[in-house]
Structure formats: C-alpha cells, structure tokens
C-alpha cells in the first residue's frame, strides 16, 4: 500500500491573487512585517554604538515607526526596497497580476507618506532608511542618528 503525504496547504485570505507558482506563494507568505533583517542590522549597529532608549514599533506614535525615541520625538522607518518602492534602486515589478501589484505598491507609498505627515504634524522628526542603503553601509547611519539625538531637547 502506497502512503500519501499531505502537502502543507496555505490559507488564502483573498487580499492577493493566487500566484501561478506554488513556490511564489510559499516565498510571499514567509515575508515578515516586523523584525526584518535590515531592521535588525540597524538595531544591532545602534546597540553596539551605545545608542539605547529606543522603542520598537511603538504603538503610541502615529504609524508605529520601526524605531522610536519617544523622549526626543524621533521616528525611524526601515523600509524594504521592494514593498515600499525605493527611489534609490528602482525595484522590479512582478510580471503577473501587474494591475494588482501596481495598486498595492501605490497604496503602500501613500500610506508611508501619510504616516510621515502625521508624525511631523505631531512634532516628530522622521528618518526613512532604505534596505539598499543598509546593505551598502549600516554604520553610516549611526552618526546621523547620534546627531539627531543631540539636536533635540
């Protein structure tokens, strides 16, 4: 008698079209929203440079910045190039379901702008760091963030 192995099935929530390739579905479902590799790299650099006192994904700040210094009102977003449409590296667009992806990316960019506007209206200084910038040199942001922390009261 031949044994059958059950394949792992993925629950579809209807927010995205069903990909043509099952591997694409597995890859996309593994993508995280918090504690991404670029975010962890920056936090590691800050910690080892002695910069502490930040909050992660702080709910009390509009837009829940990835890193927030509430006392200094500094918000840092670490954006993935693909999802947030990096202006520096011009990421590619998927070749299937182009209309869906263009609309998704447009909404992401619009949401990012809105989060920054809300923070700035509430007196926050906002910094956006892109994944491709961190790949080049994560340590270049440490002195910039140190300067921001010293400038604010």
Protein backbone atom coordinates (compact mmCIF):
# COMPACT_ATOMS: atom_id res chain seq x y z
CA UNK A 1 0.00 0.00 0.00
CA UNK A 2 1.35 3.35 -1.04
CA UNK A 3 1.43 6.09 1.60
CA UNK A 4 0.26 9.54 0.68
CA UNK A 5 1.91 12.57 2.18
CA UNK A 6 -0.18 15.63 2.82
CA UNK A 7 1.21 18.79 1.36
CA UNK A 8 1.06 21.86 3.54
CA UNK A 9 -1.87 23.96 2.43
CA UNK A 10 -1.92 27.71 2.67
CA UNK A 11 -4.95 29.60 3.87
CA UNK A 12 -5.90 32.24 1.34
CA UNK A 13 -7.33 35.42 2.80
CA UNK A 14 -8.35 36.94 -0.54
CA UNK A 15 -6.09 40.01 -0.30
CA UNK A 16 -3.79 38.88 -3.09
CA UNK A 17 -4.36 36.96 -6.31
CA UNK A 18 -3.41 33.30 -6.30
CA UNK A 19 0.11 33.02 -7.73
CA UNK A 20 0.72 30.79 -10.73
CA UNK A 21 3.64 29.09 -8.98
CA UNK A 22 3.26 27.40 -5.57
CA UNK A 23 6.83 28.37 -4.65
CA UNK A 24 5.86 32.03 -5.07
CA UNK A 25 3.08 31.53 -2.56
CA UNK A 26 5.47 29.97 -0.05
CA UNK A 27 8.00 32.76 -0.52
CA UNK A 28 5.44 35.54 -0.15
CA UNK A 29 3.86 34.01 2.95
CA UNK A 30 7.26 33.90 4.67
CA UNK A 31 7.79 37.68 4.44
CA UNK A 32 7.66 39.43 7.80
CA UNK A 33 6.36 42.88 8.67
CA UNK A 34 8.44 43.38 11.83
CA UNK A 35 11.97 42.48 12.86
CA UNK A 36 13.19 42.18 9.29
CA UNK A 37 16.86 41.60 8.51
CA UNK A 38 17.56 45.28 7.62
CA UNK A 39 15.80 46.44 10.78
CA UNK A 40 17.80 44.01 12.92
CA UNK A 41 21.05 45.16 11.29
CA UNK A 42 20.33 48.79 12.16
CA UNK A 43 19.27 47.95 15.72
CA UNK A 44 22.45 45.89 16.17
CA UNK A 45 24.58 48.82 14.97
CA UNK A 46 22.77 51.26 17.27
CA UNK A 47 23.06 48.97 20.29
CA UNK A 48 26.77 48.32 19.78
CA UNK A 49 27.39 52.05 19.35
CA UNK A 50 25.81 52.70 22.74
CA UNK A 51 22.57 54.17 21.41
CA UNK A 52 19.80 52.89 23.64
CA UNK A 53 16.43 54.07 24.89
CA UNK A 54 14.50 53.43 21.73
CA UNK A 55 11.18 51.65 21.44
CA UNK A 56 10.31 49.13 18.75
CA UNK A 57 7.08 49.51 16.77
CA UNK A 58 5.84 51.93 19.42
CA UNK A 59 2.04 51.92 19.36
CA UNK A 60 1.69 55.40 20.86
CA UNK A 61 3.42 57.05 17.89
CA UNK A 62 1.38 57.58 14.72
CA UNK A 63 2.33 54.99 12.10
CA UNK A 64 4.20 52.75 14.57
CA UNK A 65 7.75 53.56 13.47
CA UNK A 66 10.19 50.66 13.42
CA UNK A 67 12.43 52.52 15.89
CA UNK A 68 11.17 55.40 18.04
CA UNK A 69 12.88 57.63 20.57
CA UNK A 70 9.74 58.91 22.33
CA UNK A 71 11.50 61.41 24.62
CA UNK A 72 13.27 63.02 21.67
CA UNK A 73 10.35 62.57 19.25
CA UNK A 74 12.46 60.84 16.64
CA UNK A 75 10.94 58.16 14.41
CA UNK A 76 12.90 55.86 12.12
CA UNK A 77 11.36 53.70 9.43
CA UNK A 78 13.43 50.91 7.90
CA UNK A 79 11.78 50.29 4.53
CA UNK A 80 12.21 47.30 2.28
CA UNK A 81 13.00 48.41 -1.25
CA UNK A 82 10.53 46.09 -2.98
CA UNK A 83 7.44 46.76 -0.84
CA UNK A 84 7.90 50.48 -0.33
CA UNK A 85 9.25 51.25 -3.84
CA UNK A 86 12.71 52.55 -3.11
CA UNK A 87 13.65 55.73 -5.00
CA UNK A 88 17.34 54.71 -4.96
CA UNK A 89 17.43 51.24 -6.51
CA UNK A 90 14.28 51.11 -8.68
CA UNK A 91 12.99 47.63 -7.72
CA UNK A 92 11.30 45.42 -10.29
CA UNK A 93 7.55 44.80 -10.51
CA UNK A 94 6.13 41.28 -10.72
CA UNK A 95 5.29 40.28 -14.28
CA UNK A 96 1.97 38.61 -13.46
CA UNK A 97 -1.03 40.41 -11.96
CA UNK A 98 0.62 43.73 -12.81
CA UNK A 99 -2.50 45.80 -12.12
CA UNK A 100 -2.87 44.31 -8.63
CA UNK A 101 0.79 44.94 -7.77
CA UNK A 102 0.83 48.49 -9.09
CA UNK A 103 -2.20 49.32 -6.94
CA UNK A 104 -0.66 47.56 -3.91
CA UNK A 105 2.60 49.49 -4.26
CA UNK A 106 0.74 52.78 -4.80
CA UNK A 107 -1.20 52.24 -1.56
CA UNK A 108 1.98 51.34 0.35
CA UNK A 109 3.72 54.53 -0.79
CA UNK A 110 0.62 56.59 0.01
CA UNK A 111 0.39 55.02 3.50
CA UNK A 112 4.08 55.74 4.13
CA UNK A 113 3.60 59.42 3.22
CA UNK A 114 0.56 59.66 5.47
CA UNK A 115 2.46 58.15 8.44
CA UNK A 116 5.29 60.65 8.00
CA UNK A 117 2.86 63.58 7.73
CA UNK A 118 1.07 62.53 10.94
CA UNK A 119 4.34 62.23 12.84
CA UNK A 120 5.63 65.58 11.58
CA UNK A 121 2.33 67.29 12.45
CA UNK A 122 2.82 66.00 16.00
CA UNK A 123 6.34 67.44 16.23
CA UNK A 124 8.34 64.29 15.40
CA UNK A 125 11.48 64.22 13.28
CA UNK A 126 11.26 61.36 10.82
CA UNK A 127 14.00 59.43 9.07
CA UNK A 128 13.46 56.77 6.42
CA UNK A 129 16.27 54.33 5.81
CA UNK A 130 16.12 52.04 2.79
CA UNK A 131 17.18 48.39 2.71
CA UNK A 132 19.67 49.04 -0.12
CA UNK A 133 21.34 51.81 1.90
CA UNK A 134 21.82 49.46 4.85
CA UNK A 135 23.33 46.82 2.56
CA UNK A 136 25.97 49.33 1.44
CA UNK A 137 26.94 50.61 4.89
CA UNK A 138 24.80 50.19 8.00
CA UNK A 139 27.31 52.09 10.16
CA UNK A 140 26.92 55.32 8.18
CA UNK A 141 23.56 55.88 9.90
CA UNK A 142 24.90 55.69 13.46
CA UNK A 143 26.49 59.19 13.49
CA UNK A 144 23.45 60.64 11.72
CA UNK A 145 21.13 59.24 14.37
CA UNK A 146 23.52 60.34 17.15
CA UNK A 147 23.43 63.87 15.72
CA UNK A 148 19.62 63.82 15.62
CA UNK A 149 19.52 62.72 19.25
CA UNK A 150 21.87 65.52 20.31
CA UNK A 151 19.97 68.22 18.41
CA UNK A 152 16.63 67.58 20.05
CA UNK A 153 15.80 68.57 23.59
